[in-house]
């Protein structure tokens, strides 16, 4: 089944990777939601986001992330400082 985490338009949250935003519909969704009429297959771009490592990588490093879940980018929540612990 085609779910959000397999779609080109879905960007996972950088901290809460099971939640993300659909750039096409402009709504927040869970990674397992679907199917959807806006679904489009993912394509590899020059820079990708690895949900497993939680880092951006260049296509030249693709082999290192071969079996990982990757996306074209990640959603960065401007209010993340409200729900993460301080490093004091």
C-alpha atoms as a PDB file:
ATOM      1  CA  UNK A   1       0.000   0.000   0.000  1.00  0.00           C
ATOM      2  CA  UNK A   2       1.274   3.472  -0.836  1.00  0.00           C
ATOM      3  CA  UNK A   3       1.575   5.423   2.409  1.00  0.00           C
ATOM      4  CA  UNK A   4       2.829   8.898   3.271  1.00  0.00           C
ATOM      5  CA  UNK A   5       6.410   7.881   4.134  1.00  0.00           C
ATOM      6  CA  UNK A   6       6.796   6.478   0.596  1.00  0.00           C
ATOM      7  CA  UNK A   7       5.602   9.690  -1.082  1.00  0.00           C
ATOM      8  CA  UNK A   8       7.705  12.400  -2.697  1.00  0.00           C
ATOM      9  CA  UNK A   9       5.598  15.147  -1.069  1.00  0.00           C
ATOM     10  CA  UNK A  10       5.912  13.905   2.530  1.00  0.00           C
ATOM     11  CA  UNK A  11       8.698  15.341   4.691  1.00  0.00           C
ATOM     12  CA  UNK A  12       9.293  13.758   8.131  1.00  0.00           C
ATOM     13  CA  UNK A  13       9.796  15.895  11.205  1.00  0.00           C
ATOM     14  CA  UNK A  14      13.509  16.058  12.065  1.00  0.00           C
ATOM     15  CA  UNK A  15      12.830  14.958  15.668  1.00  0.00           C
ATOM     16  CA  UNK A  16       9.542  13.013  15.551  1.00  0.00           C
ATOM     17  CA  UNK A  17      10.163  10.976  12.395  1.00  0.00           C
ATOM     18  CA  UNK A  18       6.764   9.223  12.383  1.00  0.00           C
ATOM     19  CA  UNK A  19       5.035  12.605  11.934  1.00  0.00           C
ATOM     20  CA  UNK A  20       5.546  14.770   8.893  1.00  0.00           C
ATOM     21  CA  UNK A  21       4.044  17.297   6.545  1.00  0.00           C
ATOM     22  CA  UNK A  22       2.577  16.820   3.095  1.00  0.00           C
ATOM     23  CA  UNK A  23       3.936  19.649   0.957  1.00  0.00           C
ATOM     24  CA  UNK A  24       1.205  19.112  -1.610  1.00  0.00           C
ATOM     25  CA  UNK A  25      -1.755  19.291   0.805  1.00  0.00           C
ATOM     26  CA  UNK A  26      -0.032  21.459   3.451  1.00  0.00           C
ATOM     27  CA  UNK A  27      -1.180  19.244   6.329  1.00  0.00           C
ATOM     28  CA  UNK A  28       0.551  17.220   9.036  1.00  0.00           C
ATOM     29  CA  UNK A  29       0.165  13.439   8.804  1.00  0.00           C
ATOM     30  CA  UNK A  30       1.518  10.222  10.291  1.00  0.00           C
ATOM     31  CA  UNK A  31       3.986   8.238   8.193  1.00  0.00           C
ATOM     32  CA  UNK A  32       1.558   5.305   7.848  1.00  0.00           C
ATOM     33  CA  UNK A  33      -1.435   7.246   6.487  1.00  0.00           C
ATOM     34  CA  UNK A  34      -2.612   6.600   2.960  1.00  0.00           C
ATOM     35  CA  UNK A  35      -3.508   5.979   0.224  1.00  0.00           C
ATOM     36  CA  UNK A  36      -3.818   9.512  -1.134  1.00  0.00           C
ATOM     37  CA  UNK A  37      -4.755  11.088  -4.465  1.00  0.00           C
ATOM     38  CA  UNK A  38      -1.644  13.335  -4.289  1.00  0.00           C
ATOM     39  CA  UNK A  39       0.769  10.370  -3.947  1.00  0.00           C
ATOM     40  CA  UNK A  40       3.906  10.544  -6.106  1.00  0.00           C
ATOM     41  CA  UNK A  41       6.873   8.156  -6.125  1.00  0.00           C
ATOM     42  CA  UNK A  42      10.033   9.403  -4.409  1.00  0.00           C
ATOM     43  CA  UNK A  43      12.937  10.461  -6.588  1.00  0.00           C
ATOM     44  CA  UNK A  44      16.536  10.688  -5.484  1.00  0.00           C
ATOM     45  CA  UNK A  45      17.934  14.211  -5.381  1.00  0.00           C
ATOM     46  CA  UNK A  46      21.440  15.558  -4.822  1.00  0.00           C
ATOM     47  CA  UNK A  47      20.890  15.906  -1.073  1.00  0.00           C
ATOM     48  CA  UNK A  48      18.634  13.554   0.892  1.00  0.00           C
ATOM     49  CA  UNK A  49      17.472  13.203   4.518  1.00  0.00           C
ATOM     50  CA  UNK A  50      18.085   9.880   6.276  1.00  0.00           C
ATOM     51  CA  UNK A  51      15.420   9.214   8.932  1.00  0.00           C
ATOM     52  CA  UNK A  52      17.487   6.400  10.441  1.00  0.00           C
ATOM     53  CA  UNK A  53      20.633   8.506  10.961  1.00  0.00           C
ATOM     54  CA  UNK A  54      18.749  11.815  11.222  1.00  0.00           C
ATOM     55  CA  UNK A  55      21.159  13.591   8.919  1.00  0.00           C
ATOM     56  CA  UNK A  56      21.353  15.099   5.470  1.00  0.00           C
ATOM     57  CA  UNK A  57      23.677  13.344   3.052  1.00  0.00           C
ATOM     58  CA  UNK A  58      24.984  13.842  -0.486  1.00  0.00           C
ATOM     59  CA  UNK A  59      24.212  11.312  -3.202  1.00  0.00           C
ATOM     60  CA  UNK A  60      27.882  10.283  -3.179  1.00  0.00           C
ATOM     61  CA  UNK A  61      27.215   8.838   0.320  1.00  0.00           C
ATOM     62  CA  UNK A  62      24.166   6.855  -0.845  1.00  0.00           C
ATOM     63  CA  UNK A  63      25.825   3.473  -0.293  1.00  0.00           C
ATOM     64  CA  UNK A  64      26.153   4.211   3.438  1.00  0.00           C
ATOM     65  CA  UNK A  65      22.364   4.740   3.668  1.00  0.00           C
ATOM     66  CA  UNK A  66      21.404   1.938   1.274  1.00  0.00           C
ATOM     67  CA  UNK A  67      18.885   0.137   3.524  1.00  0.00           C
ATOM     68  CA  UNK A  68      17.767   3.245   5.437  1.00  0.00           C
ATOM     69  CA  UNK A  69      14.558   5.249   5.052  1.00  0.00           C
ATOM     70  CA  UNK A  70      15.381   8.366   3.026  1.00  0.00           C
ATOM     71  CA  UNK A  71      13.448  11.441   1.919  1.00  0.00           C
ATOM     72  CA  UNK A  72      14.106  14.516  -0.209  1.00  0.00           C
ATOM     73  CA  UNK A  73      14.221  16.628   2.940  1.00  0.00           C
ATOM     74  CA  UNK A  74      12.971  16.983   6.482  1.00  0.00           C
ATOM     75  CA  UNK A  75      10.516  19.292   8.178  1.00  0.00           C
ATOM     76  CA  UNK A  76      12.129  21.472  10.838  1.00  0.00           C
ATOM     77  CA  UNK A  77       9.690  22.624  13.500  1.00  0.00           C
ATOM     78  CA  UNK A  78      10.400  26.220  14.535  1.00  0.00           C
ATOM     79  CA  UNK A  79       8.861  25.476  17.947  1.00  0.00           C
ATOM     80  CA  UNK A  80      10.957  22.356  18.639  1.00  0.00           C
ATOM     81  CA  UNK A  81      12.717  24.137  21.489  1.00  0.00           C
ATOM     82  CA  UNK A  82       9.396  23.999  23.353  1.00  0.00           C
ATOM     83  CA  UNK A  83       9.340  20.197  23.583  1.00  0.00           C
ATOM     84  CA  UNK A  84      12.994  19.122  23.673  1.00  0.00           C
ATOM     85  CA  UNK A  85      15.111  18.973  26.809  1.00  0.00           C
ATOM     86  CA  UNK A  86      17.742  21.612  27.456  1.00  0.00           C
ATOM     87  CA  UNK A  87      21.366  20.521  27.658  1.00  0.00           C
ATOM     88  CA  UNK A  88      22.078  22.432  30.879  1.00  0.00           C
END
